[in-house]
Amino acid sequence: MRRRADEGHREEYASLKRALAARTDHDVDDYGRDKMPWIGRALKRAEGWARR
């Protein structure tokens, strides 16, 4: 099993996914759309890491 480097970000994402999955008023498209802001921030962090 591969471990991710940042436990805080890992837990933040898992928590977001659990909260979104628990919403009964949303469908799979809403789930994907609603997690995109977090994904966008993660990609910016990854780009910064890659530059370093």
C-alpha atoms as a PDB file:
ATOM      1  CA  MET A   1       0.000   0.000   0.000  1.00  0.00           C
ATOM      2  CA  ARG A   2       1.315   3.411  -0.940  1.00  0.00           C
ATOM      3  CA  ARG A   3       1.041   6.106   1.721  1.00  0.00           C
ATOM      4  CA  ARG A   4       0.304   9.709   0.915  1.00  0.00           C
ATOM      5  CA  ALA A   5       2.700  12.344   2.183  1.00  0.00           C
ATOM      6  CA  ASP A   6       0.303  14.738   3.868  1.00  0.00           C
ATOM      7  CA  GLU A   7      -1.949  13.135   6.442  1.00  0.00           C
ATOM      8  CA  GLY A   8      -3.887  16.363   7.008  1.00  0.00           C
ATOM      9  CA  HIS A   9      -4.816  16.740   3.355  1.00  0.00           C
ATOM     10  CA  ARG A  10      -5.620  13.052   3.120  1.00  0.00           C
ATOM     11  CA  GLU A  11      -8.052  13.248   6.031  1.00  0.00           C
ATOM     12  CA  GLU A  12      -9.550  16.521   4.761  1.00  0.00           C
ATOM     13  CA  TYR A  13     -10.317  14.882   1.393  1.00  0.00           C
ATOM     14  CA  ALA A  14     -11.708  11.725   3.002  1.00  0.00           C
ATOM     15  CA  SER A  15     -13.936  13.826   5.253  1.00  0.00           C
ATOM     16  CA  LEU A  16     -15.197  15.846   2.299  1.00  0.00           C
ATOM     17  CA  LYS A  17     -15.970  12.678   0.333  1.00  0.00           C
ATOM     18  CA  ARG A  18     -17.856  11.154   3.280  1.00  0.00           C
ATOM     19  CA  ALA A  19     -19.912  14.337   3.736  1.00  0.00           C
ATOM     20  CA  LEU A  20     -20.754  14.543   0.048  1.00  0.00           C
ATOM     21  CA  ALA A  21     -21.644  10.848  -0.162  1.00  0.00           C
ATOM     22  CA  ALA A  22     -24.010  11.231   2.807  1.00  0.00           C
ATOM     23  CA  ARG A  23     -26.076  13.898   1.038  1.00  0.00           C
ATOM     24  CA  THR A  24     -29.272  12.263  -0.126  1.00  0.00           C
ATOM     25  CA  ASP A  25     -30.300  15.307  -2.157  1.00  0.00           C
ATOM     26  CA  HIS A  26     -27.328  14.936  -4.542  1.00  0.00           C
ATOM     27  CA  ASP A  27     -26.511  12.551  -7.352  1.00  0.00           C
ATOM     28  CA  VAL A  28     -23.170  11.334  -8.704  1.00  0.00           C
ATOM     29  CA  ASP A  29     -22.794  14.390 -10.930  1.00  0.00           C
ATOM     30  CA  ASP A  30     -23.294  16.706  -7.943  1.00  0.00           C
ATOM     31  CA  TYR A  31     -20.766  14.656  -5.963  1.00  0.00           C
ATOM     32  CA  GLY A  32     -18.117  15.074  -8.650  1.00  0.00           C
ATOM     33  CA  ARG A  33     -18.811  18.772  -9.143  1.00  0.00           C
ATOM     34  CA  ASP A  34     -18.878  19.529  -5.416  1.00  0.00           C
ATOM     35  CA  LYS A  35     -15.461  18.024  -4.772  1.00  0.00           C
ATOM     36  CA  MET A  36     -13.787  19.871  -7.675  1.00  0.00           C
ATOM     37  CA  PRO A  37     -12.797  22.953  -5.609  1.00  0.00           C
ATOM     38  CA  TRP A  38     -10.784  20.676  -3.308  1.00  0.00           C
ATOM     39  CA  ILE A  39      -9.270  18.875  -6.295  1.00  0.00           C
ATOM     40  CA  GLY A  40      -8.296  22.217  -7.850  1.00  0.00           C
ATOM     41  CA  ARG A  41      -6.466  23.259  -4.682  1.00  0.00           C
ATOM     42  CA  ALA A  42      -4.732  19.864  -4.525  1.00  0.00           C
ATOM     43  CA  LEU A  43      -3.527  20.235  -8.110  1.00  0.00           C
ATOM     44  CA  LYS A  44      -2.065  23.658  -7.300  1.00  0.00           C
ATOM     45  CA  ARG A  45      -0.219  22.135  -4.317  1.00  0.00           C
ATOM     46  CA  ALA A  46       1.052  19.324  -6.542  1.00  0.00           C
ATOM     47  CA  GLU A  47       2.274  21.766  -9.185  1.00  0.00           C
ATOM     48  CA  GLY A  48       4.168  23.691  -6.517  1.00  0.00           C
ATOM     49  CA  TRP A  49       5.684  20.471  -5.210  1.00  0.00           C
ATOM     50  CA  ALA A  50       6.738  19.454  -8.735  1.00  0.00           C
ATOM     51  CA  ARG A  51       8.445  22.816  -9.308  1.00  0.00           C
ATOM     52  CA  ARG A  52      10.435  22.459  -6.084  1.00  0.00           C
END
